[in-house]
Amino acid sequence: MATEGAAQLGNRAAGMVCSLWVLLLVSSVLALEEVLLDTTGETSEIGWLTYPPGGWDEVSVLDDQRRLTRTFEACHVAGAPPGTGQDNWLQTHFVERRGAQRAHIRLHFSVRACSSLGVSGGTCRETFTLYYRQAEEPDSPDSVSSWHLKRWTKVDTIAADESFPSSSSSSSSSSSSSSSSSASWAVGPHGAGQQRAGLQLNVKERSFGPLTQRGFYVAFQDTGACLALVAVRLFSYTCPAVLRSFASFPETQASGAGGASLVAALGTCVAHAEPEEDGVGGQAGGSPPRLHCNGEGKWMVAVGGCRCQPGHQPARGDKACQACPRGLYKASAGNAPCAPCPARSHAPNPAAPLCPCLEGFYRASSDPPEAPCTGPPSAPQELWFEVQGSALMLHWRLPRELGGRGDLLFNVVCKECEGRQEPASSGGGTCRRCRDEVHFDPRQRGLTESRVLVGGLRAHVPYILEVQAVNGVSELSPEPPQAAAINVSTSHEVPSAVPVVHQVSRASNSITVSWPQPDQTNGNILDYQLRYYDQAEDESHSFTLTSETNTATVTQLSPGHIYGFQVRARTAAGHGPYGGKVYFQTLPQGELSSQLPERLSLVIGSILGALAFLLLAAITVLAVVFQRKRRGTGYMEQLQQYSSPGLGVKYYIDPSTYEDPCQAIRELAREVDPAYIKIEEVIGTGSFGEVRRGRLQPRGRREQAVAIQALWAGGAESLQMTFLGRAAVLGQFQHPNILRLEGVVTKSRPLMVLTEFMELGPLDSFLRQREGQFSSLQLVAMQRGVAAAMQYLSSFAFVHRSLSAHSVLVNSHLVCKVARLGHSPQGPSCLLRWAAPEVITHGKHTTSSDVWSFGILMWEVMSYGERPYWDMSEQEVLNAIEQEFRLPPPPGCPPGLHLLMLDTWQKDRAQRPHFDQLVAAFDKMIRKPDTLQAGGDSGERPSQALLTPVALDFPCLDSPQAWLSAIGLECYQDNFSKFGLCTFSDVAQLSLEDLPALGITLAGHQKKLLHHIQLLQQHLRQQGSVEV
């Protein structure tokens, strides 16, 4: 028995749990009814108003469940005189709507059939009418008597679905009304003494609205029926609170218009969820979701929804979002489940939106979150090279490990070694970066193939070529790229290419070829190297064969295949370049070998080719000799020869050695047809007059912008020589940081010199217009370009003599180019502020004096075009230089750069750095920006006293506005006035934190202003005017 009791108790508990879940489920779906009035089961007097009195009777009866309840009855048909109509009204109490926009009424009533009443004459009805009216307040006592006369709104005429005869079941009743009520009840719808156990009730439901006032009344009109109003229930529909699509929607009142009208409800995303993207535009984090409540309290028409945030996945269907467990992740918002971390990554914490990579592995910025983590590649393998004259073709094989990626690229690092060559693996302590003349084809960085042609190498100079393997994550690794290096050296004495290869014979598995000697053997040919490969395969799978004669037979070939052949010769200086490719085909299987009928034709052809080459060479030599005799002056005598240690011999032609300057310009510059030139507006003034912008478009070439300086007729002969001489100087130099000469016009007048157009003009004015707009590294890059140009000029032993920021031009790409080559300063004081001491005292211009001038140019750049030595007179500048005073660092100038300036201003010119050392120093600063802030060892250079800027004449400055004008920051006068900075004491209190609020955001302007504020504070301390 105990066991059975326990089982029954368990079943009952389980049933209660199931019932609870069903109840919760139903409550989340069904509409909610907000009860406004309900007389169901009411046992005490309700007390509604009637008109006329006694038209409706309130009585207590037993319902179909034999429970006592209050009802309203009207049945005056039987006793009414024939032909008289009934008009009986019943009104409820004032009903507050409680926010409902539409009310619903459910009526329980019964109606007796007219046929059972024995009434004739058409005065009997089986219907009644339902009305309502709105009100802000309950009716006042004065107007209660006339309530039935107010303006009512008809809802509907209510008809019974079923009416019943007098034989219906009945029950006893007790009346709380007067005797008239009892009398009326006696002839009521149920009759006196009837048993009502089988009472038949009609149920009707109607609605009315929209409701806009505080409450309302409901009225019932009887016009001749015998009916009983058993229960009245007034209510409104409300859509229940619901969770749907990861959003919660609150309870919402149904629409007042009823029917298909909808009320929108805004949802709130559940924890760790966000709105879905908008359907239009696809913007993340779209509009909140919406659900619509209809007139019957049911949800419908969902718009939008929510989705789980990154690192979270759906739970309990679409009701919640839970965090991804450890080891799983989810990168994007949505309702997909969490996924395991990709290879070589992990998620140590819950709710991971991404899986961080394991140590040593990385994910590139372009990699999607689901991509596995990868690593840098290993070093390339098996470097080798082929010398091709002064160039070489460098080859390598792919790295053993690619790091799990497919975006493999290669970079080539070139180092030039002086004297003894360092082993490639040691890094070359005496090696430096290769000069700018060394070039790479197709490029030096970002190579996709495993070879590169390196040109511009100097003969007999040892180099180290290092090939780095990189991929999309190499920059993320703290370790440098893995690389392989090889020692190389070139010679100009290797033989030239073998011009052609002939087929002598062929068989199904072999081919015999022959070739002539190279056109320039450059020594004794030791042997030839024949390279061949099957055209159907990759060229990298080639084979080589060495032959000491100019004939070779290649065996073990496939029948019917086409093979490519190349030959190169070798001397004691090394291999020459390969000649062009030729293709021969082996015979198909089974065919007999074929051989040229005679080899005599090949021999004769080779002999005739050699004789033709010798004849052409002899004619060329005779023509050169004749030309030199005609000119009368040896070409070598017109050259100024200079040598630079370790660089070999370079030549710079001095145009002044020519008697005819036009002859020099024709040899050293390109003549341009004036018809190809279009002259436009004036852009400046040069030494020979106006400089104009123009367009140059030679036939077959695209149009380009040029700067044109013209010398019109009437100029002295010396002026013409100077004008053309400068163009002849400029035309000899080709460097990316030197102004390029595009051509000259000498065969017509006016004489014209055309140079590339530099859109941004001189460097000093360019910087003054853009003060504070560049970072220190950008300014260093500008100085590096000028230093590279001066290094190139110094390799020709060319001295600029007038280097300054004004003699450097800037193009639209911010590339600085040295100009004014050959422009000698007029007298020692012309460029005194840029001149070295030896130039001032002895007029001696050297490359070392150019280094001094370059240091002044550096100071101009870092001060954004400030005039060197400010407003000091030339005598004051001269005295300062003689007393070894040097310029101080400009505001914001990194210490490393100012120390480099001081090196260029050494009094002993032998102690000044060379331009190649300056270029190396700039390169180091660009690679390692922290060296800009390095102060260096004070013992490495002699201490030098620093000048201070020319002090402002404070007594002459009567306001902060005048002070701003004096320091060149008048653009901030309105800012100072707006913030009430009207006295010097106010200005002296400013700090760096205050400047952005004043609208001073440029770093250069901030530094300059703070510098002058410090000078102002010193002045005010001396005056005792301010506490700073």
Foldseek 3Di string as FASTA:
>chain_A
DVVVVVVVVVVVVVVVVVVVVVVVVVVQFAWDKAFQDKQVLPQDDQDWDKPPVPQKFWFWDQALVRRTGIKIWGACQLVDDAPDKAKMKTKHFWTFPVPAQKKKKKFKKAFADPVQSPGDRPRADQKKWKWKDDDQDTDDPVCPVVPVVDDIHTFDIDGFPDHHHQPAAQAATDGPDDVSNVVRQCSASHHHHGHCNVPDIGIDMTMDGRDDHRTMMMMMIDTHTRMMGGMMIMIFIWAPWHADQQWIWHIGGAHSVADFDKDKTFTHGHPQKAWAADPPPRDPRDDTKIWIAHRNRGIDDTGTHIWGAWQWEDDPPRRHIDGAQWQWTAQGTHHDDTDGAAPQFTGHHISHNATAGHPQWADFPPHDRNDHTWHWFAAWADWDWAAAQQKIKIFTHGTPGRRPDDFKFKAKFKWWAPDDADPLVVVTPRIDGDAPQWAKVPHGTGHPHGMIMIHRHDAPTKMKMKMFIGGRCQVVDPDHTHIDIDIDGAHNQAAHEFADKAWFKAAQFKTKIFGAGGPRRSADFQWKKKKKDFPVDDSVPIDIDIGRHRMDMDGRHHGFTKMKMWMWTADPRGIHDIYDIDIDTHHHPPDGMDGPPDCVVVVVVNVVVSVVSVVVVVVVVVVVVVVCVVVVDHPVVQWDWDADPPPGTDTAGQCVVDPDSVVLLVVQFAADDCVQKAWDAFDQADPQGTKTWIWGDPPPGDIAIKIKDWHFPPDDPVVVSLVSRQLSRQSNDDDPQAWHWPGWHDPDPTTMTITHDAPQAFQLVSLLVVFLPDDLLLLLVQLLSVLSVLLRCVNNQFFQQQDASNQWGHHPVRRIHGHNRSPHADDLLRPLLQFAPCCNPPVDTGSLRVLSSSLNRSQSSQQRNADRLHPDDSVVSNVCLVVQAAADRHQPQALLSVVLSVLSRDNPSVSRDHSVVVSVVSVVCNVPVVSSNDNDDCVVDDDGHYDDHDDDPVVVDDWVCSVCVVLVNNVLVVLCVVVPRTHLQSLLPDDLVCVVVSVNDRPSVSRSSVVVSVVSVVVCVVVVNYDD
